[in-house]
């Protein structure tokens, strides 16, 4: 009894640390500290769990050996991979970890349900229902995250729309619901039902994610994060583990809020993201008349324009991440500021391939946090900016979101780069963005295109600015 009280007290403390860590993660200034706090809390919660009466602390015990082995292997793999992964590949890592969390929750449910199918005593209808809910949510998160990882890693180049895709999804979901009902109410539980329930749940996650394109990946990643947390919380009830309940609830609620913010930033509902097929690699919008033409500028001329400006706003996008140009941008920022130029960075909520992707990359390059501004803060400054430098961003600066009610992105909040006195766009070629929509900004009278790889282009700008000294 005394040990149980100690464990509950430690869980309460770790819950407070989880919440405080999450709060600190809301600011780039304190995010690293918040991650350390939350990580330390998870370590403490994991260690104190070994004091539970169900666990025999005897190294001769096979179960204890397996648990320790899993902890050692998992910690080693996580540490090594986190050290080696490039910042540009962080979205893939997040997708993979989301999937692992969902898969772990589903595995816990599978163990409990298999026990019931083998004749173990049921802990009640409520526990079985929660086990089933955690299982389906975790399985969907696991398989869906695997598809998201494949898309982000480039292993899956195209989105896939099967004939009657959504009808197939409805049929699979109906099958999951029917089998879930039979499993949760079965006395005893049928092993065959359990197997088919998990198979259909995994297939559902794959089918839901296959048609979703790159433009919607930030929303998908945050959604699977929320689902993983919810699954862990449900399985915490099944195991009567307070730490899992608290951690899962915190992750699930924060992930849900983040998903809503991401969808709002795109001016689209979550249902539209999941079922409309917008943002698919092959779903280019219909061609439309565009006034004007793209005007090329040389790096030396662009360098002069920025060197003699009073205010420059840099708009980074995923293309910057691919080119790994963040360190060069930081170097250019220093040269411009030495000439008295006010330099800021404008970040759209869905820039990149995961929430906060651009912030992480810029922070890695040493950009001061107070120079990184979100959409609401920076938009009023574009009209007084001499130059807006757009590097690798596309749909998030497309003015048709404000002007064309027929556009698929109409109503999506965008960065008002087109309102700057001059716009320089660094871009590899003349292609459209993830959504397949032509960007009218590129054809505007005040816009000039600097073609080429992002890092190479910024290096040429740096050379041009240095030549003026």
Foldseek 3Di string as FASTA:
>chain_A
DVLVVVLVVLLVVLLVLLVVLVVLCVAPVRNVVSVVSNVVSVVSNVVSVCSDPVHDPDCVDPVVVVVVVCVVVVVVVVVVCVVPDDLLLVLLVLLQVLLVLLVVLLVLLLVVLVCLQVPDDDPDLLLLLLSLLLNLLSLLLNLLSVVLSCCSVVVDPFFDDDVVLVVVLVVLVVLLVVLSVQSSPPRRGHPVSSVVNSVSSNVSSNSQNRLFAQLCQQLVSLQSQLSSLSSQLSVCVSVVNSNSVSSSVVRNVVSVVLSVVVCVLLPHDPCCRRPVSFLTQPQADDDDDAPFDFAADELLVVLVLLLPWQEEEEEEASLCSVLLQLLLVVVVVVLSVVSNHHYAYEYRQSGHRHGCSVVVSNVVNVDDSVRYDYQVVCQVVQLVGQEYEYEHDAPQQACCLDVPPPDPSNVNHHRPNLNHQAYEYEEQDQFHDSRNYHRSSSRDPRYHYHHDRRNVSSVSSSVSSVVVD
